[in-house]
Amino acid sequence: MALFKKRTVGKPGEWYYCLVHKKVEEGPECPAKDRFGPYTSRQEAQQAMDLARERNLEWENDPRWHDAQAGPADDA
């Protein structure tokens, strides 16, 4: 018996952004590894890549996510 049941049909109103086909899809048409979502609207799914870019920039510039600058390595 499978621990997790694979869902092949999406629920009405679930929207995804497919990273392979670069398009919005209703329901999980492509594998989970290739999509963002679920989103509550088509419009929200269309903005998935913009949201990901914004979040990446925030994380890259967040000092809590960076280790202290290391000095020169001491090989001696």
PDB file of N, CA and C in Angstrom:
ATOM      1  N   MET A   1       0.841  -1.187   0.000  1.00  0.00           N
ATOM      2  CA  MET A   1       0.000   0.000   0.000  1.00  0.00           C
ATOM      3  C   MET A   1       0.879   1.240   0.000  1.00  0.00           C
ATOM      4  N   ALA A   2       0.600   2.130  -0.897  1.00  0.00           N
ATOM      5  CA  ALA A   2       1.389   3.354  -1.019  1.00  0.00           C
ATOM      6  C   ALA A   2       1.099   4.288   0.150  1.00  0.00           C
ATOM      7  N   LEU A   3       2.146   4.905   0.641  1.00  0.00           N
ATOM      8  CA  LEU A   3       1.995   5.850   1.738  1.00  0.00           C
ATOM      9  C   LEU A   3       1.330   7.133   1.258  1.00  0.00           C
ATOM     10  N   PHE A   4       1.701   7.564   0.066  1.00  0.00           N
ATOM     11  CA  PHE A   4       1.113   8.766  -0.518  1.00  0.00           C
ATOM     12  C   PHE A   4       0.480   8.396  -1.846  1.00  0.00           C
ATOM     13  N   LYS A   5      -0.748   8.784  -2.019  1.00  0.00           N
ATOM     14  CA  LYS A   5      -1.449   8.496  -3.259  1.00  0.00           C
ATOM     15  C   LYS A   5      -1.142   9.593  -4.271  1.00  0.00           C
ATOM     16  N   LYS A   6      -0.715   9.191  -5.455  1.00  0.00           N
ATOM     17  CA  LYS A   6      -0.417  10.153  -6.505  1.00  0.00           C
ATOM     18  C   LYS A   6      -1.718  10.691  -7.066  1.00  0.00           C
ATOM     19  N   ARG A   7      -1.834  12.001  -7.042  1.00  0.00           N
ATOM     20  CA  ARG A   7      -3.040  12.640  -7.551  1.00  0.00           C
ATOM     21  C   ARG A   7      -2.821  12.992  -9.012  1.00  0.00           C
ATOM     22  N   THR A   8      -3.631  12.427  -9.883  1.00  0.00           N
ATOM     23  CA  THR A   8      -3.452  12.679 -11.315  1.00  0.00           C
ATOM     24  C   THR A   8      -4.400  13.748 -11.834  1.00  0.00           C
ATOM     25  N   VAL A   9      -5.460  14.015 -11.099  1.00  0.00           N
ATOM     26  CA  VAL A   9      -6.422  15.021 -11.529  1.00  0.00           C
ATOM     27  C   VAL A   9      -6.441  16.131 -10.495  1.00  0.00           C
ATOM     28  N   GLY A  10      -6.333  17.359 -10.962  1.00  0.00           N
ATOM     29  CA  GLY A  10      -6.343  18.493 -10.048  1.00  0.00           C
ATOM     30  C   GLY A  10      -7.736  18.838  -9.576  1.00  0.00           C
ATOM     31  N   LYS A  11      -7.780  19.556  -8.502  1.00  0.00           N
ATOM     32  CA  LYS A  11      -9.055  20.062  -8.009  1.00  0.00           C
ATOM     33  C   LYS A  11      -9.434  21.279  -8.835  1.00  0.00           C
ATOM     34  N   PRO A  12     -10.703  21.492  -9.072  1.00  0.00           N
ATOM     35  CA  PRO A  12     -11.112  22.696  -9.801  1.00  0.00           C
ATOM     36  C   PRO A  12     -10.621  23.941  -9.060  1.00  0.00           C
ATOM     37  N   GLY A  13     -10.055  24.857  -9.792  1.00  0.00           N
ATOM     38  CA  GLY A  13      -9.572  26.093  -9.196  1.00  0.00           C
ATOM     39  C   GLY A  13      -8.124  26.051  -8.752  1.00  0.00           C
ATOM     40  N   GLU A  14      -7.433  24.925  -8.948  1.00  0.00           N
ATOM     41  CA  GLU A  14      -6.001  24.857  -8.650  1.00  0.00           C
ATOM     42  C   GLU A  14      -5.226  25.159  -9.926  1.00  0.00           C
ATOM     43  N   TRP A  15      -4.341  26.114  -9.835  1.00  0.00           N
ATOM     44  CA  TRP A  15      -3.557  26.528 -10.991  1.00  0.00           C
ATOM     45  C   TRP A  15      -2.087  26.327 -10.711  1.00  0.00           C
ATOM     46  N   TYR A  16      -1.338  25.940 -11.747  1.00  0.00           N
ATOM     47  CA  TYR A  16       0.090  25.680 -11.631  1.00  0.00           C
ATOM     48  C   TYR A  16       0.822  26.396 -12.762  1.00  0.00           C
ATOM     49  N   TYR A  17       2.105  26.666 -12.544  1.00  0.00           N
ATOM     50  CA  TYR A  17       2.951  27.193 -13.612  1.00  0.00           C
ATOM     51  C   TYR A  17       3.948  26.100 -13.950  1.00  0.00           C
ATOM     52  N   CYS A  18       3.925  25.615 -15.183  1.00  0.00           N
ATOM     53  CA  CYS A  18       4.829  24.555 -15.634  1.00  0.00           C
ATOM     54  C   CYS A  18       6.150  25.190 -16.064  1.00  0.00           C
ATOM     55  N   LEU A  19       7.243  24.744 -15.438  1.00  0.00           N
ATOM     56  CA  LEU A  19       8.572  25.271 -15.740  1.00  0.00           C
ATOM     57  C   LEU A  19       9.125  24.732 -17.052  1.00  0.00           C
ATOM     58  N   VAL A  20       8.641  23.583 -17.493  1.00  0.00           N
ATOM     59  CA  VAL A  20       9.106  22.983 -18.736  1.00  0.00           C
ATOM     60  C   VAL A  20       8.426  23.636 -19.935  1.00  0.00           C
ATOM     61  N   HIS A  21       7.099  23.724 -19.872  1.00  0.00           N
ATOM     62  CA  HIS A  21       6.328  24.266 -20.990  1.00  0.00           C
ATOM     63  C   HIS A  21       6.153  25.781 -20.916  1.00  0.00           C
ATOM     64  N   LYS A  22       6.540  26.359 -19.765  1.00  0.00           N
ATOM     65  CA  LYS A  22       6.445  27.803 -19.545  1.00  0.00           C
ATOM     66  C   LYS A  22       5.029  28.314 -19.793  1.00  0.00           C
ATOM     67  N   LYS A  23       4.069  27.608 -19.156  1.00  0.00           N
ATOM     68  CA  LYS A  23       2.677  28.009 -19.303  1.00  0.00           C
ATOM     69  C   LYS A  23       1.897  27.665 -18.039  1.00  0.00           C
ATOM     70  N   VAL A  24       0.753  28.306 -17.922  1.00  0.00           N
ATOM     71  CA  VAL A  24      -0.145  28.063 -16.798  1.00  0.00           C
ATOM     72  C   VAL A  24      -1.039  26.880 -17.131  1.00  0.00           C
ATOM     73  N   GLU A  25      -1.235  25.997 -16.143  1.00  0.00           N
ATOM     74  CA  GLU A  25      -2.071  24.818 -16.338  1.00  0.00           C
ATOM     75  C   GLU A  25      -3.065  24.718 -15.187  1.00  0.00           C
ATOM     76  N   GLU A  26      -4.268  24.300 -15.496  1.00  0.00           N
ATOM     77  CA  GLU A  26      -5.241  24.048 -14.437  1.00  0.00           C
ATOM     78  C   GLU A  26      -5.114  22.586 -14.044  1.00  0.00           C
ATOM     79  N   GLY A  27      -4.869  22.357 -12.774  1.00  0.00           N
ATOM     80  CA  GLY A  27      -4.638  21.001 -12.291  1.00  0.00           C
ATOM     81  C   GLY A  27      -3.211  20.578 -12.567  1.00  0.00           C
ATOM     82  N   PRO A  28      -2.748  19.541 -11.869  1.00  0.00           N
ATOM     83  CA  PRO A  28      -1.362  19.095 -12.050  1.00  0.00           C
ATOM     84  C   PRO A  28      -1.193  18.254 -13.313  1.00  0.00           C
ATOM     85  N   GLU A  29      -0.926  18.901 -14.423  1.00  0.00           N
ATOM     86  CA  GLU A  29      -0.733  18.175 -15.686  1.00  0.00           C
ATOM     87  C   GLU A  29       0.675  17.619 -15.784  1.00  0.00           C
ATOM     88  N   CYS A  30       1.656  18.360 -15.281  1.00  0.00           N
ATOM     89  CA  CYS A  30       3.060  17.945 -15.360  1.00  0.00           C
ATOM     90  C   CYS A  30       3.531  17.474 -13.986  1.00  0.00           C
ATOM     91  N   PRO A  31       4.648  16.745 -13.937  1.00  0.00           N
ATOM     92  CA  PRO A  31       5.172  16.262 -12.658  1.00  0.00           C
ATOM     93  C   PRO A  31       5.476  17.414 -11.698  1.00  0.00           C
ATOM     94  N   ALA A  32       5.379  17.135 -10.417  1.00  0.00           N
ATOM     95  CA  ALA A  32       5.586  18.155  -9.383  1.00  0.00           C
ATOM     96  C   ALA A  32       6.964  18.801  -9.484  1.00  0.00           C
ATOM     97  N   LYS A  33       7.968  18.057  -9.907  1.00  0.00           N
ATOM     98  CA  LYS A  33       9.323  18.612 -10.008  1.00  0.00           C
ATOM     99  C   LYS A  33       9.431  19.689 -11.088  1.00  0.00           C
ATOM    100  N   ASP A  34       8.444  19.752 -11.961  1.00  0.00           N
ATOM    101  CA  ASP A  34       8.485  20.692 -13.081  1.00  0.00           C
ATOM    102  C   ASP A  34       7.489  21.830 -12.964  1.00  0.00           C
ATOM    103  N   ARG A  35       6.954  22.067 -11.756  1.00  0.00           N
ATOM    104  CA  ARG A  35       5.918  23.107 -11.667  1.00  0.00           C
ATOM    105  C   ARG A  35       5.969  23.846 -10.341  1.00  0.00           C
ATOM    106  N   PHE A  36       5.408  25.047 -10.361  1.00  0.00           N
ATOM    107  CA  PHE A  36       5.157  25.842  -9.167  1.00  0.00           C
ATOM    108  C   PHE A  36       3.665  25.799  -8.909  1.00  0.00           C
ATOM    109  N   GLY A  37       3.273  25.768  -7.660  1.00  0.00           N
ATOM    110  CA  GLY A  37       1.855  25.837  -7.329  1.00  0.00           C
ATOM    111  C   GLY A  37       1.496  24.864  -6.243  1.00  0.00           C
ATOM    112  N   PRO A  38       0.266  24.785  -5.883  1.00  0.00           N
ATOM    113  CA  PRO A  38      -0.896  25.349  -6.558  1.00  0.00           C
ATOM    114  C   PRO A  38      -1.141  26.804  -6.174  1.00  0.00           C
ATOM    115  N   TYR A  39      -1.748  27.515  -7.098  1.00  0.00           N
ATOM    116  CA  TYR A  39      -2.183  28.895  -6.894  1.00  0.00           C
ATOM    117  C   TYR A  39      -3.701  28.920  -6.957  1.00  0.00           C
ATOM    118  N   THR A  40      -4.281  29.952  -6.375  1.00  0.00           N
ATOM    119  CA  THR A  40      -5.746  30.017  -6.317  1.00  0.00           C
ATOM    120  C   THR A  40      -6.378  30.611  -7.567  1.00  0.00           C
ATOM    121  N   SER A  41      -5.558  31.234  -8.435  1.00  0.00           N
ATOM    122  CA  SER A  41      -6.114  31.811  -9.652  1.00  0.00           C
ATOM    123  C   SER A  41      -5.116  31.688 -10.798  1.00  0.00           C
ATOM    124  N   ARG A  42      -5.646  31.765 -12.000  1.00  0.00           N
ATOM    125  CA  ARG A  42      -4.792  31.735 -13.193  1.00  0.00           C
ATOM    126  C   ARG A  42      -3.820  32.910 -13.179  1.00  0.00           C
ATOM    127  N   GLN A  43      -4.315  34.070 -12.789  1.00  0.00           N
ATOM    128  CA  GLN A  43      -3.489  35.276 -12.773  1.00  0.00           C
ATOM    129  C   GLN A  43      -2.314  35.131 -11.802  1.00  0.00           C
ATOM    130  N   GLU A  44      -2.573  34.547 -10.645  1.00  0.00           N
ATOM    131  CA  GLU A  44      -1.510  34.342  -9.659  1.00  0.00           C
ATOM    132  C   GLU A  44      -0.460  33.369 -10.210  1.00  0.00           C
ATOM    133  N   ALA A  45      -0.895  32.325 -10.901  1.00  0.00           N
ATOM    134  CA  ALA A  45       0.033  31.359 -11.492  1.00  0.00           C
ATOM    135  C   ALA A  45       0.857  32.006 -12.605  1.00  0.00           C
ATOM    136  N   GLN A  46       0.263  32.940 -13.358  1.00  0.00           N
ATOM    137  CA  GLN A  46       0.992  33.628 -14.423  1.00  0.00           C
ATOM    138  C   GLN A  46       2.132  34.474 -13.859  1.00  0.00           C
ATOM    139  N   GLN A  47       2.018  34.874 -12.627  1.00  0.00           N
ATOM    140  CA  GLN A  47       3.040  35.714 -12.000  1.00  0.00           C
ATOM    141  C   GLN A  47       4.045  34.895 -11.191  1.00  0.00           C
ATOM    142  N   ALA A  48       4.011  33.576 -11.320  1.00  0.00           N
ATOM    143  CA  ALA A  48       4.858  32.690 -10.524  1.00  0.00           C
ATOM    144  C   ALA A  48       6.343  32.993 -10.702  1.00  0.00           C
ATOM    145  N   MET A  49       6.787  33.188 -11.920  1.00  0.00           N
ATOM    146  CA  MET A  49       8.216  33.432 -12.157  1.00  0.00           C
ATOM    147  C   MET A  49       8.638  34.794 -11.615  1.00  0.00           C
ATOM    148  N   ASP A  50       7.783  35.804 -11.735  1.00  0.00           N
ATOM    149  CA  ASP A  50       8.093  37.118 -11.171  1.00  0.00           C
ATOM    150  C   ASP A  50       8.217  37.033  -9.657  1.00  0.00           C
ATOM    151  N   LEU A  51       7.308  36.310  -9.023  1.00  0.00           N
ATOM    152  CA  LEU A  51       7.341  36.143  -7.578  1.00  0.00           C
ATOM    153  C   LEU A  51       8.609  35.396  -7.157  1.00  0.00           C
ATOM    154  N   ALA A  52       8.985  34.363  -7.899  1.00  0.00           N
ATOM    155  CA  ALA A  52      10.203  33.609  -7.583  1.00  0.00           C
ATOM    156  C   ALA A  52      11.436  34.506  -7.697  1.00  0.00           C
ATOM    157  N   ARG A  53      11.496  35.348  -8.743  1.00  0.00           N
ATOM    158  CA  ARG A  53      12.617  36.275  -8.903  1.00  0.00           C
ATOM    159  C   ARG A  53      12.705  37.250  -7.731  1.00  0.00           C
ATOM    160  N   GLU A  54      11.555  37.797  -7.340  1.00  0.00           N
ATOM    161  CA  GLU A  54      11.522  38.741  -6.216  1.00  0.00           C
ATOM    162  C   GLU A  54      11.992  38.078  -4.927  1.00  0.00           C
ATOM    163  N   ARG A  55      11.517  36.876  -4.669  1.00  0.00           N
ATOM    164  CA  ARG A  55      11.914  36.163  -3.448  1.00  0.00           C
ATOM    165  C   ARG A  55      13.391  35.828  -3.467  1.00  0.00           C
ATOM    166  N   ASN A  56      13.914  35.416  -4.620  1.00  0.00           N
ATOM    167  CA  ASN A  56      15.343  35.121  -4.712  1.00  0.00           C
ATOM    168  C   ASN A  56      16.184  36.350  -4.403  1.00  0.00           C
ATOM    169  N   LEU A  57      15.788  37.501  -4.937  1.00  0.00           N
ATOM    170  CA  LEU A  57      16.525  38.736  -4.655  1.00  0.00           C
ATOM    171  C   LEU A  57      16.479  39.082  -3.169  1.00  0.00           C
ATOM    172  N   GLU A  58      15.309  38.919  -2.554  1.00  0.00           N
ATOM    173  CA  GLU A  58      15.194  39.190  -1.116  1.00  0.00           C
ATOM    174  C   GLU A  58      16.124  38.284  -0.325  1.00  0.00           C
ATOM    175  N   TRP A  59      16.143  37.004  -0.653  1.00  0.00           N
ATOM    176  CA  TRP A  59      16.975  36.047   0.086  1.00  0.00           C
ATOM    177  C   TRP A  59      18.454  36.311  -0.162  1.00  0.00           C
ATOM    178  N   GLU A  60      18.820  36.645  -1.397  1.00  0.00           N
ATOM    179  CA  GLU A  60      20.224  36.918  -1.700  1.00  0.00           C
ATOM    180  C   GLU A  60      20.741  38.141  -0.950  1.00  0.00           C
ATOM    181  N   ASN A  61      19.861  39.083  -0.682  1.00  0.00           N
ATOM    182  CA  ASN A  61      20.266  40.313  -0.006  1.00  0.00           C
ATOM    183  C   ASN A  61      19.955  40.313   1.491  1.00  0.00           C
ATOM    184  N   ASP A  62      19.465  39.217   2.011  1.00  0.00           N
ATOM    185  CA  ASP A  62      19.140  39.115   3.430  1.00  0.00           C
ATOM    186  C   ASP A  62      20.389  38.681   4.198  1.00  0.00           C
ATOM    187  N   PRO A  63      20.892  39.524   5.099  1.00  0.00           N
ATOM    188  CA  PRO A  63      22.127  39.182   5.807  1.00  0.00           C
ATOM    189  C   PRO A  63      21.986  37.933   6.683  1.00  0.00           C
ATOM    190  N   ARG A  64      20.784  37.555   7.048  1.00  0.00           N
ATOM    191  CA  ARG A  64      20.605  36.351   7.868  1.00  0.00           C
ATOM    192  C   ARG A  64      20.928  35.070   7.104  1.00  0.00           C
ATOM    193  N   TRP A  65      20.975  35.131   5.771  1.00  0.00           N
ATOM    194  CA  TRP A  65      21.233  33.940   4.969  1.00  0.00           C
ATOM    195  C   TRP A  65      22.682  33.815   4.535  1.00  0.00           C
ATOM    196  N   HIS A  66      23.529  34.726   4.976  1.00  0.00           N
ATOM    197  CA  HIS A  66      24.938  34.691   4.567  1.00  0.00           C
ATOM    198  C   HIS A  66      25.825  34.484   5.774  1.00  0.00           C
ATOM    199  N   ASP A  67      26.841  33.642   5.605  1.00  0.00           N
ATOM    200  CA  ASP A  67      27.821  33.446   6.653  1.00  0.00           C
ATOM    201  C   ASP A  67      28.737  34.671   6.685  1.00  0.00           C
ATOM    202  N   ALA A  68      29.408  34.853   7.795  1.00  0.00           N
ATOM    203  CA  ALA A  68      30.368  35.939   7.908  1.00  0.00           C
ATOM    204  C   ALA A  68      31.458  35.762   6.866  1.00  0.00           C
ATOM    205  N   GLN A  69      31.949  36.854   6.350  1.00  0.00           N
ATOM    206  CA  GLN A  69      33.008  36.800   5.347  1.00  0.00           C
ATOM    207  C   GLN A  69      34.249  36.140   5.944  1.00  0.00           C
ATOM    208  N   ALA A  70      34.749  35.148   5.262  1.00  0.00           N
ATOM    209  CA  ALA A  70      35.944  34.438   5.733  1.00  0.00           C
ATOM    210  C   ALA A  70      37.187  35.206   5.306  1.00  0.00           C
ATOM    211  N   GLY A  71      38.157  35.213   6.160  1.00  0.00           N
ATOM    212  CA  GLY A  71      39.431  35.859   5.847  1.00  0.00           C
ATOM    213  C   GLY A  71      40.279  34.939   5.005  1.00  0.00           C
ATOM    214  N   PRO A  72      41.519  35.345   4.737  1.00  0.00           N
ATOM    215  CA  PRO A  72      42.418  34.498   3.951  1.00  0.00           C
ATOM    216  C   PRO A  72      42.628  33.153   4.658  1.00  0.00           C
ATOM    217  N   ALA A  73      42.728  32.121   3.875  1.00  0.00           N
ATOM    218  CA  ALA A  73      42.905  30.788   4.437  1.00  0.00           C
ATOM    219  C   ALA A  73      44.306  30.645   5.000  1.00  0.00           C
ATOM    220  N   ASP A  74      44.404  30.040   6.170  1.00  0.00           N
ATOM    221  CA  ASP A  74      45.717  29.791   6.801  1.00  0.00           C
ATOM    222  C   ASP A  74      46.107  28.354   6.539  1.00  0.00           C
ATOM    223  N   ASP A  75      47.017  28.169   5.574  1.00  0.00           N
ATOM    224  CA  ASP A  75      47.455  26.824   5.227  1.00  0.00           C
ATOM    225  C   ASP A  75      48.675  26.397   6.028  1.00  0.00           C
ATOM    226  N   ALA A  76      49.261  27.269   6.811  1.00  0.00           N
ATOM    227  CA  ALA A  76      50.508  26.959   7.535  1.00  0.00           C
ATOM    228  C   ALA A  76      50.273  26.197   8.777  1.00  0.00           C
TER     229      ALA A  76
END
